[in-house]
Amino acid sequence: MAPSDGRQDAAPAKALKKLKLYEVTHSLFYAPQYVAKNLGFFREEGLDVEIVSGEGGDKVTTALLSGQADLILVGAEMAVYVNAQNPSDPIVVFARLTQRDGSFLVAREPMPNFRWEDLRGKAYLAQRKGGMPDTIAQHILRKHGLEPGRDLEYLQNVDYANLAPAFMAGTGDVVQLFEPFASQVERAGKGYVVAGLGEEAGTVLYTSYLTRRSRLETDRDAFVAFTRAIARAQTYVLEHDDATVYKALKDDFSGLDREVALKILERLRSQDVWSHDPLPPKEDYARTLELIREAGRLEHPLPYEAVVDPTVAEAALAR
């Protein structure tokens, strides 16, 4: 029976589909992801997305393979490395978040009118061996006639989380850092941002969303909905100024000074790091493979279809 005041009983709210997402690190580099969360785009798509900071590509990939994560945000090269082992349930790249490297070169001393050739004889504190930031750095150095380990010291004995502290403690002449670490070193008066690697390297299949093929088959609608939310957030970031974007994601970076955050967003935007949509282009996958091959890490050049499923992003953009 209806209530005596004539109102109808409210229909029960539809339960949200829960997804656990492990991100390779927590960074403003992934601004559209936090916009999607904080502006309610995920919830509007019927999703409850829990974001966990995995602290490294190997760790988040292990979380996916072990079933701890439903999906991961990591460099697309991780799918290439895993699928080259011919697993029974391969990893699939189904959407892209960033299209360029988002790291910056920080020098101990000012380097006005910086040229990559200026690094000859220097000690370069590098990113994790085998990851795309390392692969891209080596590509840029070789493009400018510098062979890592011969023309400059190429240090890879410090893990990701300790790169900035190690540099500030005196290791290396230059260090390759993501934000907010680059700006924090600069703000502490311990270094100077002299170059961005993204602009120099061009577009690639960079930080992307990956899941197991079996999950994509059983929960396809959820992954399409997730990708649709990301697409909306990518558009939002591209169409709004840095102050507006910061307002949308500041709760995820409460320990970061507003002015520093705005500087980071400005720096990232100037490098055109964010994908304009979630589609993972075949030509950028080919370029990614070429960079991995150039770095001597490509044993099996897997075809696009063995690593990427673009139909999820295509379906997300179709509505």
Protein backbone atom coordinates (compact mmCIF):
# COMPACT_ATOMS: atom_id res chain seq x y z
CA MET A 1 0.00 0.00 0.00
CA ALA A 2 1.12 3.58 -0.62
CA PRO A 3 1.88 5.78 2.42
CA SER A 4 -1.11 7.72 3.81
CA ASP A 5 0.30 11.07 2.54
CA GLY A 6 0.11 9.81 -1.02
CA ARG A 7 3.90 9.42 -1.57
CA GLN A 8 5.17 6.29 -3.26
CA ASP A 9 7.92 4.31 -1.59
CA ALA A 10 11.28 5.26 -3.14
CA ALA A 11 12.82 2.57 -5.32
CA PRO A 12 15.93 1.07 -3.73
CA ALA A 13 19.14 2.59 -5.04
CA LYS A 14 21.02 0.33 -7.42
CA ALA A 15 24.16 -1.02 -5.81
CA LEU A 16 27.39 0.36 -7.23
CA LYS A 17 29.79 -2.01 -8.91
CA LYS A 18 33.01 -2.07 -6.89
CA LEU A 19 36.36 -1.91 -8.66
CA LYS A 20 39.76 -1.85 -6.98
CA LEU A 21 42.30 0.14 -8.98
CA TYR A 22 46.02 0.06 -8.19
CA GLU A 23 47.91 3.08 -9.55
CA VAL A 24 51.64 2.91 -10.16
CA THR A 25 52.13 6.04 -8.03
CA HIS A 26 50.04 8.91 -6.66
CA SER A 27 50.71 11.93 -8.83
CA LEU A 28 49.12 14.98 -10.43
CA PHE A 29 50.34 13.40 -13.65
CA TYR A 30 47.12 11.37 -13.42
CA ALA A 31 44.88 14.41 -12.87
CA PRO A 32 41.93 13.16 -14.99
CA GLN A 33 41.62 10.05 -12.81
CA TYR A 34 41.15 12.10 -9.63
CA VAL A 35 38.78 14.45 -11.42
CA ALA A 36 36.65 11.44 -12.38
CA LYS A 37 36.58 10.32 -8.76
CA ASN A 38 35.99 13.66 -7.07
CA LEU A 39 33.43 15.04 -9.52
CA GLY A 40 31.40 11.85 -9.25
CA PHE A 41 31.91 10.61 -12.79
CA PHE A 42 32.59 7.05 -11.60
CA ARG A 43 29.49 7.00 -9.40
CA GLU A 44 27.36 8.40 -12.21
CA GLU A 45 28.49 5.41 -14.25
CA GLY A 46 27.41 3.04 -11.47
CA LEU A 47 30.89 2.40 -10.10
CA ASP A 48 32.52 2.55 -6.70
CA VAL A 49 36.23 2.81 -7.53
CA GLU A 50 38.76 2.33 -4.76
CA ILE A 51 42.18 3.74 -5.71
CA VAL A 52 45.25 2.18 -4.09
CA SER A 53 48.78 3.54 -4.53
CA GLY A 54 50.89 0.56 -5.57
CA GLU A 55 54.31 2.28 -5.53
CA GLY A 56 55.86 0.83 -8.66
CA GLY A 57 55.09 -0.95 -11.92
CA ASP A 58 56.19 -4.39 -10.74
CA LYS A 59 54.07 -4.15 -7.59
CA VAL A 60 50.86 -3.08 -9.30
CA THR A 61 51.28 -5.72 -12.00
CA THR A 62 51.74 -8.36 -9.31
CA ALA A 63 48.55 -7.07 -7.64
CA LEU A 64 46.66 -7.62 -10.89
CA LEU A 65 48.12 -11.06 -11.52
CA SER A 66 47.37 -12.17 -7.96
CA GLY A 67 43.78 -10.95 -8.06
CA GLN A 68 44.21 -8.14 -5.52
CA ALA A 69 43.45 -5.53 -8.20
CA ASP A 70 40.60 -5.47 -10.70
CA LEU A 71 42.53 -3.09 -12.91
CA ILE A 72 45.78 -1.18 -12.77
CA LEU A 73 47.17 2.14 -14.00
CA VAL A 74 50.70 1.52 -15.23
CA GLY A 75 52.90 1.80 -18.29
CA ALA A 76 51.55 -0.22 -21.21
CA GLU A 77 54.93 -1.93 -21.54
CA MET A 78 54.04 -4.11 -18.55
CA ALA A 79 51.45 -5.89 -20.69
CA VAL A 80 54.09 -6.46 -23.37
CA TYR A 81 56.50 -8.00 -20.85
CA VAL A 82 53.84 -10.23 -19.23
CA ASN A 83 52.19 -11.37 -22.46
CA ALA A 84 55.55 -12.24 -24.00
CA GLN A 85 55.57 -15.12 -21.50
CA ASN A 86 52.42 -16.51 -23.18
CA PRO A 87 50.18 -16.60 -20.06
CA SER A 88 46.87 -18.44 -20.18
CA ASP A 89 45.05 -15.25 -19.12
CA PRO A 90 46.92 -12.32 -20.71
CA ILE A 91 46.89 -8.69 -19.62
CA VAL A 92 44.98 -6.27 -21.82
CA VAL A 93 45.43 -2.52 -22.31
CA PHE A 94 41.90 -1.15 -22.72
CA ALA A 95 42.32 2.62 -22.23
CA ARG A 96 45.06 5.22 -22.13
CA LEU A 97 45.29 8.07 -19.59
CA THR A 98 48.52 9.82 -20.59
CA GLN A 99 50.16 10.12 -24.01
CA ARG A 100 53.60 11.48 -23.17
CA ASP A 101 56.23 10.94 -20.52
CA GLY A 102 55.49 13.19 -17.54
CA SER A 103 58.91 13.24 -15.93
CA PHE A 104 61.31 16.17 -15.68
CA LEU A 105 65.06 16.50 -15.52
CA VAL A 106 66.22 18.21 -12.33
CA ALA A 107 69.80 19.50 -12.12
CA ARG A 108 71.79 20.25 -9.00
CA GLU A 109 72.96 23.54 -10.48
CA PRO A 110 71.17 25.95 -12.86
CA MET A 111 71.65 24.98 -16.51
CA PRO A 112 70.46 27.99 -18.55
CA ASN A 113 69.84 27.28 -22.23
CA PHE A 114 69.94 23.56 -21.42
CA ARG A 115 71.01 21.13 -24.13
CA TRP A 116 70.99 17.36 -23.66
CA GLU A 117 74.59 17.33 -24.81
CA ASP A 118 75.43 19.23 -21.60
CA LEU A 119 74.96 15.95 -19.70
CA ARG A 120 78.17 14.46 -21.08
CA GLY A 121 80.32 13.36 -18.15
CA LYS A 122 77.50 13.90 -15.64
CA ALA A 123 75.95 11.39 -13.24
CA TYR A 124 72.31 10.76 -14.24
CA LEU A 125 70.08 9.37 -11.46
CA ALA A 126 67.60 7.37 -13.52
CA GLN A 127 64.20 5.71 -13.20
CA ARG A 128 63.51 1.98 -12.77
CA LYS A 129 65.25 -0.25 -15.29
CA GLY A 130 62.88 -1.49 -17.97
CA GLY A 131 60.08 1.01 -17.36
CA MET A 132 58.97 3.49 -20.01
CA PRO A 133 60.49 6.52 -18.18
CA ASP A 134 63.88 4.79 -18.33
CA THR A 135 63.32 3.63 -21.91
CA ILE A 136 62.40 7.14 -23.03
CA ALA A 137 65.33 8.70 -21.17
CA GLN A 138 67.77 6.37 -22.90
CA HIS A 139 66.15 7.10 -26.26
CA ILE A 140 66.54 10.86 -25.76
CA LEU A 141 70.14 10.55 -24.62
CA ARG A 142 71.07 8.39 -27.63
CA LYS A 143 69.25 10.78 -29.96
CA HIS A 144 71.63 13.46 -28.74
CA GLY A 145 74.73 11.29 -29.11
CA LEU A 146 75.06 10.16 -25.50
CA GLU A 147 75.37 6.47 -24.65
CA PRO A 148 74.23 5.74 -21.06
CA GLY A 149 77.06 4.19 -19.08
CA ARG A 150 79.71 5.42 -21.50
CA ASP A 151 79.24 9.13 -22.12
CA LEU A 152 77.58 9.71 -18.77
CA GLU A 153 77.15 7.73 -15.58
CA TYR A 154 73.68 6.17 -15.57
CA LEU A 155 72.64 5.28 -12.02
CA GLN A 156 69.80 2.82 -11.40
CA ASN A 157 70.57 1.65 -7.89
CA VAL A 158 67.91 3.77 -6.15
CA ASP A 159 64.23 2.79 -6.12
CA TYR A 160 61.48 5.15 -7.26
CA ALA A 161 60.35 6.31 -3.83
CA ASN A 162 63.88 7.31 -2.81
CA LEU A 163 65.06 9.11 -5.95
CA ALA A 164 64.29 12.63 -4.71
CA PRO A 165 65.73 12.08 -1.19
CA ALA A 166 68.85 10.46 -2.67
CA PHE A 167 69.38 13.38 -5.02
CA MET A 168 68.89 15.94 -2.26
CA ALA A 169 71.39 13.98 -0.15
CA GLY A 170 74.03 14.34 -2.88
CA THR A 171 73.62 11.42 -5.31
CA GLY A 172 73.92 12.35 -8.99
CA ASP A 173 74.33 15.59 -10.89
CA VAL A 174 70.85 15.33 -12.43
CA VAL A 175 67.80 13.24 -11.61
CA GLN A 176 64.72 12.22 -13.60
CA LEU A 177 61.65 12.86 -11.44
CA PHE A 178 57.90 12.87 -11.71
CA GLU A 179 55.76 15.44 -10.02
CA PRO A 180 55.28 16.42 -7.26
CA PHE A 181 58.87 15.37 -6.50
CA ALA A 182 60.50 17.61 -9.12
CA SER A 183 58.76 20.72 -7.79
CA GLN A 184 59.41 19.73 -4.17
CA VAL A 185 63.14 19.46 -4.85
CA GLU A 186 63.03 22.82 -6.60
CA ARG A 187 61.05 24.43 -3.78
CA ALA A 188 63.54 23.09 -1.22
CA GLY A 189 66.32 24.87 -3.10
CA LYS A 190 68.06 21.58 -3.88
CA GLY A 191 67.64 21.54 -7.64
CA TYR A 192 66.35 23.19 -10.81
CA VAL A 193 63.95 21.77 -13.41
CA VAL A 194 65.83 22.15 -16.70
CA ALA A 195 63.87 19.98 -19.18
CA GLY A 196 60.74 17.91 -19.71
CA LEU A 197 61.15 14.47 -21.27
CA GLY A 198 57.62 14.28 -22.68
CA GLU A 199 58.01 17.07 -25.18
CA GLU A 200 61.31 15.64 -26.39
CA ALA A 201 60.09 12.03 -26.79
CA GLY A 202 56.73 12.46 -28.54
CA THR A 203 53.52 10.48 -28.07
CA VAL A 204 53.52 6.83 -27.01
CA LEU A 205 51.17 4.34 -25.38
CA TYR A 206 52.12 5.63 -21.94
CA THR A 207 50.28 5.26 -18.61
CA SER A 208 47.28 3.08 -19.38
CA TYR A 209 44.55 1.02 -17.76
CA LEU A 210 45.15 -2.73 -17.82
CA THR A 211 43.16 -5.74 -16.68
CA ARG A 212 43.09 -9.48 -17.27
CA ARG A 213 41.42 -10.63 -20.47
CA SER A 214 39.11 -12.86 -18.45
CA ARG A 215 37.86 -9.87 -16.43
CA LEU A 216 37.29 -7.89 -19.59
CA GLU A 217 35.12 -10.71 -20.87
CA THR A 218 33.08 -11.21 -17.69
CA ASP A 219 32.76 -7.54 -16.61
CA ARG A 220 32.93 -5.72 -19.93
CA ASP A 221 30.11 -3.31 -19.10
CA ALA A 222 31.90 -2.17 -15.94
CA PHE A 223 35.14 -1.48 -17.82
CA VAL A 224 33.28 0.39 -20.56
CA ALA A 225 31.57 2.48 -17.85
CA PHE A 226 34.93 3.12 -16.17
CA THR A 227 36.45 4.23 -19.48
CA ARG A 228 33.49 6.51 -20.17
CA ALA A 229 34.09 8.26 -16.83
CA ILE A 230 37.80 8.66 -17.67
CA ALA A 231 36.91 10.10 -21.09
CA ARG A 232 34.66 12.69 -19.45
CA ALA A 233 37.45 13.60 -17.03
CA GLN A 234 40.02 13.92 -19.83
CA THR A 235 37.73 16.36 -21.60
CA TYR A 236 37.15 18.28 -18.36
CA VAL A 237 40.87 18.71 -17.73
CA LEU A 238 41.53 19.86 -21.29
CA GLU A 239 38.64 22.35 -21.27
CA HIS A 240 39.20 23.91 -17.82
CA ASP A 241 42.01 26.03 -16.47
CA ASP A 242 44.51 24.80 -13.89
CA ALA A 243 42.81 26.53 -10.95
CA THR A 244 39.50 24.81 -11.75
CA VAL A 245 41.18 21.43 -12.20
CA TYR A 246 43.05 21.88 -8.92
CA LYS A 247 39.80 22.60 -7.10
CA ALA A 248 38.40 19.31 -8.42
CA LEU A 249 41.31 17.18 -7.19
CA LYS A 250 42.81 19.06 -4.25
CA ASP A 251 41.36 16.63 -1.67
CA ASP A 252 43.65 13.93 -3.08
CA PHE A 253 46.70 16.17 -2.58
CA SER A 254 45.98 17.87 0.73
CA GLY A 255 49.67 17.89 1.67
CA LEU A 256 50.65 19.78 -1.48
CA ASP A 257 50.81 23.57 -1.40
CA ARG A 258 48.27 25.15 -3.79
CA GLU A 259 50.84 27.25 -5.62
CA VAL A 260 53.11 24.24 -6.10
CA ALA A 261 50.16 22.21 -7.38
CA LEU A 262 49.20 24.92 -9.87
CA LYS A 263 52.79 25.11 -11.08
CA ILE A 264 52.83 21.34 -11.57
CA LEU A 265 49.57 21.38 -13.53
CA GLU A 266 50.87 24.22 -15.69
CA ARG A 267 54.11 22.32 -16.33
CA LEU A 268 52.27 19.11 -17.24
CA ARG A 269 49.79 20.89 -19.48
CA SER A 270 52.62 22.61 -21.34
CA GLN A 271 54.01 19.14 -22.19
CA ASP A 272 50.58 17.96 -23.49
CA VAL A 273 50.89 14.83 -21.35
CA TRP A 274 47.20 13.95 -20.95
CA SER A 275 45.51 11.90 -23.65
CA HIS A 276 42.69 13.79 -25.32
CA ASP A 277 40.56 10.63 -25.16
CA PRO A 278 41.06 7.07 -23.83
CA LEU A 279 41.67 5.42 -27.22
CA PRO A 280 45.00 3.51 -27.35
CA PRO A 281 46.25 4.22 -30.91
CA LYS A 282 47.94 1.51 -32.92
CA GLU A 283 50.65 3.90 -34.15
CA ASP A 284 51.57 4.87 -30.58
CA TYR A 285 51.77 1.20 -29.62
CA ALA A 286 54.16 0.66 -32.53
CA ARG A 287 56.31 3.56 -31.34
CA THR A 288 56.30 2.12 -27.81
CA LEU A 289 57.56 -1.22 -29.15
CA GLU A 290 60.26 0.54 -31.14
CA LEU A 291 61.52 2.34 -28.03
CA ILE A 292 61.57 -0.92 -26.04
CA ARG A 293 63.42 -2.62 -28.90
CA GLU A 294 65.94 0.22 -29.08
CA ALA A 295 66.59 -0.23 -25.35
CA GLY A 296 67.34 -3.94 -25.94
CA ARG A 297 64.37 -5.22 -23.97
CA LEU A 298 62.07 -6.52 -26.69
CA GLU A 299 62.42 -10.28 -27.08
CA HIS A 300 59.01 -10.85 -28.68
CA PRO A 301 57.44 -7.96 -30.67
CA LEU A 302 53.80 -8.81 -29.96
CA PRO A 303 51.17 -7.53 -32.41
CA TYR A 304 48.78 -4.81 -31.29
CA GLU A 305 45.89 -7.26 -30.93
CA ALA A 306 47.88 -9.41 -28.48
CA VAL A 307 48.21 -6.53 -26.03
CA VAL A 308 45.51 -3.91 -26.72
CA ASP A 309 41.72 -4.07 -26.95
CA PRO A 310 40.54 -0.71 -28.35
CA THR A 311 36.88 -1.76 -28.49
CA VAL A 312 36.32 -0.84 -24.83
CA ALA A 313 37.30 2.80 -25.41
CA GLU A 314 35.42 2.81 -28.71
CA ALA A 315 32.26 1.64 -26.92
CA ALA A 316 32.77 4.22 -24.15
CA LEU A 317 33.01 7.05 -26.69
CA ALA A 318 30.07 5.82 -28.76
CA ARG A 319 27.48 6.95 -26.21
